Amino acid sequence: MAKKKFKLGFKVAYDAPVTLTFAILSILLFVINTFLMKGKLTALILAAPTMQGGELPFVVSNPLSYLRMFLYVFGAVDSSMLITNLIFILLLGPAMEERYGSIVIGIMIAVSAIFAGVLNACFCQKMLQGAISVVFMIIFLNAFLSFSKKKLPLSFIAVFVLFIIREVLEKNPNGMIGIVAGVAGG
């Protein structure tokens, strides 16, 4: 008696390369930092520099300070922050990548990260970690689809307010300045 092959007819597609690569890198760096390096990678490259006198001051002559301006978005304070950020990024990112293109989304992520990193280096005492500016950027991009139709979606307002409340309740280490830096980065 011959066995019949069960076939679903689906192919797994790497449909949003920038979004998926961002998520994979974030998870990989979190695992390496947490389990292999016991948090040492955070101070090395996974935290944005701070103002002079802060935890991790920006040093003009140190090349790592410049790397930190961008790479901090791949870090996370804890697994809860990582998962929350990745849920938003993986939920909204592929649609935005399809709409605007992978290259444009990649550039926007880089600009968002660098802008929030510079704000942190100029105004904040505590290190900045995580993809909060990238999340806000993707939320804003999603809302802009409705703005073009002269509508302000209530769902955007709700998500924005809830995300701000989450940041306040999680006690952003830089206070309101840190929250404003994340929103401005977005």
Protein backbone atom coordinates (compact mmCIF):
# COMPACT_ATOMS: atom_id res chain seq x y z
CA MET A 1 0.00 0.00 0.00
CA ALA A 2 1.52 3.33 -1.10
CA LYS A 3 1.71 6.21 1.33
CA LYS A 4 0.08 9.46 0.28
CA LYS A 5 2.02 12.64 0.84
CA PHE A 6 0.17 15.33 2.72
CA LYS A 7 0.80 18.68 1.07
CA LEU A 8 -0.50 22.03 2.27
CA GLY A 9 0.67 24.01 -0.73
CA PHE A 10 2.26 26.81 1.30
CA LYS A 11 5.77 28.13 0.90
CA VAL A 12 7.50 29.97 3.69
CA ALA A 13 8.55 33.34 2.32
CA TYR A 14 11.10 35.79 3.70
CA ASP A 15 8.58 38.48 2.79
CA ALA A 16 9.89 41.45 4.76
CA PRO A 17 13.69 41.13 4.77
CA VAL A 18 14.47 44.29 6.77
CA THR A 19 11.82 43.63 9.41
CA LEU A 20 12.65 39.94 9.78
CA THR A 21 16.41 40.55 9.80
CA PHE A 22 15.93 43.24 12.46
CA ALA A 23 13.93 40.81 14.61
CA ILE A 24 16.41 37.95 14.15
CA LEU A 25 19.40 40.19 14.98
CA SER A 26 17.62 41.55 18.06
CA ILE A 27 16.83 38.06 19.35
CA LEU A 28 20.30 36.76 18.55
CA LEU A 29 22.06 39.68 20.27
CA PHE A 30 19.72 39.41 23.28
CA VAL A 31 20.54 35.70 23.67
CA ILE A 32 24.29 36.29 23.25
CA ASN A 33 24.25 39.23 25.67
CA THR A 34 22.09 37.52 28.28
CA PHE A 35 23.41 33.97 28.30
CA LEU A 36 26.93 34.06 26.88
CA MET A 37 28.29 37.48 27.78
CA LYS A 38 26.28 38.01 30.99
CA GLY A 39 25.31 41.59 30.05
CA LYS A 40 28.77 42.78 28.98
CA LEU A 41 27.62 43.43 25.41
CA THR A 42 25.23 46.10 26.71
CA ALA A 43 27.93 48.54 27.74
CA LEU A 44 30.03 47.63 24.71
CA ILE A 45 27.55 48.27 21.86
CA LEU A 46 23.89 47.67 22.87
CA ALA A 47 23.23 50.91 24.73
CA ALA A 48 23.10 54.44 23.34
CA PRO A 49 25.62 56.85 24.84
CA THR A 50 24.59 59.50 27.31
CA MET A 51 25.52 63.09 27.96
CA GLN A 52 28.77 63.86 29.75
CA GLY A 53 28.51 62.81 33.37
CA GLY A 54 25.97 60.11 32.50
CA GLU A 55 26.24 56.32 32.73
CA LEU A 56 27.87 55.82 29.34
CA PRO A 57 29.06 59.23 28.11
CA PHE A 58 29.54 59.92 24.42
CA VAL A 59 33.26 60.27 23.70
CA VAL A 60 34.07 61.92 20.37
CA SER A 61 37.38 60.07 20.00
CA ASN A 62 35.88 56.63 20.76
CA PRO A 63 34.60 54.79 17.65
CA LEU A 64 32.33 52.64 19.86
CA SER A 65 30.36 55.77 20.80
CA TYR A 66 29.36 56.12 17.16
CA LEU A 67 28.46 52.43 16.84
CA ARG A 68 26.30 52.68 19.97
CA MET A 69 24.32 55.51 18.34
CA PHE A 70 22.85 52.95 15.96
CA LEU A 71 23.25 49.49 17.48
CA TYR A 72 21.37 50.19 20.74
CA VAL A 73 18.08 49.46 18.93
CA PHE A 74 19.08 45.78 18.77
CA GLY A 75 19.46 45.63 22.56
CA ALA A 76 16.80 45.27 25.22
CA VAL A 77 16.72 45.78 28.96
CA ASP A 78 14.84 42.53 29.47
CA SER A 79 12.86 39.89 27.60
CA SER A 80 9.57 41.71 28.19
CA MET A 81 10.83 44.83 26.40
CA LEU A 82 12.28 42.77 23.57
CA ILE A 83 9.08 40.80 23.02
CA THR A 84 6.83 43.87 23.21
CA ASN A 85 8.94 45.79 20.71
CA LEU A 86 9.24 42.83 18.35
CA ILE A 87 5.48 42.21 18.43
CA PHE A 88 4.85 45.74 17.18
CA ILE A 89 7.69 45.61 14.66
CA LEU A 90 6.69 42.21 13.27
CA LEU A 91 3.00 43.13 13.21
CA LEU A 92 3.31 46.48 11.43
CA GLY A 93 6.74 46.27 9.75
CA PRO A 94 5.94 43.90 6.87
CA ALA A 95 3.00 46.03 5.68
CA MET A 96 5.12 49.19 5.84
CA GLU A 97 7.97 47.42 4.06
CA GLU A 98 5.60 46.29 1.32
CA ARG A 99 4.23 49.81 0.95
CA TYR A 100 7.49 51.80 1.06
CA GLY A 101 10.09 49.18 0.09
CA SER A 102 12.83 47.44 2.03
CA ILE A 103 15.55 49.99 1.28
CA VAL A 104 13.43 52.93 2.43
CA ILE A 105 12.38 51.13 5.63
CA GLY A 106 16.01 50.21 6.32
CA ILE A 107 17.07 53.84 5.90
CA MET A 108 14.18 55.02 8.08
CA ILE A 109 15.16 52.58 10.86
CA ALA A 110 18.76 53.83 10.72
CA VAL A 111 17.73 57.51 10.78
CA SER A 112 15.26 56.88 13.61
CA ALA A 113 17.90 55.06 15.66
CA ILE A 114 20.58 57.68 15.09
CA PHE A 115 18.24 60.60 15.82
CA ALA A 116 17.03 59.13 19.13
CA GLY A 117 20.62 58.13 19.97
CA VAL A 118 21.85 61.69 19.41
CA LEU A 119 19.02 63.06 21.56
CA ASN A 120 19.97 60.61 24.29
CA ALA A 121 23.63 61.62 24.06
CA CYS A 122 22.68 65.29 24.30
CA PHE A 123 20.02 65.28 27.02
CA CYS A 124 19.92 62.04 29.02
CA GLN A 125 21.87 60.72 32.01
CA LYS A 126 20.87 57.06 31.58
CA MET A 127 21.65 54.64 28.75
CA LEU A 128 19.00 54.06 26.10
CA GLN A 129 18.29 50.48 25.05
CA GLY A 130 15.73 48.92 22.79
CA ALA A 131 13.84 49.69 19.64
CA ILE A 132 11.32 52.16 21.05
CA SER A 133 12.15 54.78 18.40
CA VAL A 134 11.77 52.16 15.65
CA VAL A 135 8.40 51.09 17.08
CA PHE A 136 7.17 54.69 17.12
CA MET A 137 8.44 55.20 13.57
CA ILE A 138 6.49 52.17 12.33
CA ILE A 139 3.37 53.24 14.25
CA PHE A 140 3.63 56.72 12.69
CA LEU A 141 4.13 55.27 9.21
CA ASN A 142 1.07 53.10 9.65
CA ALA A 143 -0.98 56.12 10.69
CA PHE A 144 0.29 58.16 7.72
CA LEU A 145 -1.59 55.80 5.42
CA SER A 146 -4.82 57.24 6.84
CA PHE A 147 -3.47 60.81 7.05
CA SER A 148 -3.25 60.83 3.28
CA LYS A 149 -7.03 60.33 3.23
CA LYS A 150 -7.49 63.32 5.58
CA LYS A 151 -8.41 61.03 8.47
CA LEU A 152 -6.86 60.72 11.92
CA PRO A 153 -7.44 57.11 12.94
CA LEU A 154 -8.65 56.62 16.50
CA SER A 155 -6.71 53.34 16.60
CA PHE A 156 -3.48 55.30 16.05
CA ILE A 157 -4.31 57.64 18.91
CA ALA A 158 -5.11 54.65 21.15
CA VAL A 159 -1.88 52.81 20.30
CA PHE A 160 0.17 55.99 20.75
CA VAL A 161 -1.42 56.76 24.15
CA LEU A 162 -1.07 53.16 25.34
CA PHE A 163 2.57 53.05 24.32
CA ILE A 164 3.26 56.31 26.19
CA ILE A 165 1.44 54.95 29.25
CA ARG A 166 3.54 51.78 29.02
CA GLU A 167 6.73 53.83 28.95
CA VAL A 168 5.61 55.86 31.97
CA LEU A 169 4.54 52.76 33.94
CA GLU A 170 7.77 50.95 33.04
CA LYS A 171 9.54 53.96 34.55
CA ASN A 172 11.71 55.02 31.65
CA PRO A 173 15.10 55.62 33.31
CA ASN A 174 15.43 59.02 31.64
CA GLY A 175 11.91 60.09 32.62
CA MET A 176 9.90 62.22 30.23
CA ILE A 177 13.04 63.28 28.36
CA GLY A 178 13.65 59.63 27.44
CA ILE A 179 10.05 59.18 26.31
CA VAL A 180 10.20 62.36 24.22
CA ALA A 181 13.51 61.17 22.68
CA GLY A 182 11.86 57.87 21.70
CA VAL A 183 8.83 59.59 20.20
CA ALA A 184 11.00 62.16 18.42
CA GLY A 185 13.17 59.36 17.05
CA GLY A 186 10.03 57.83 15.61
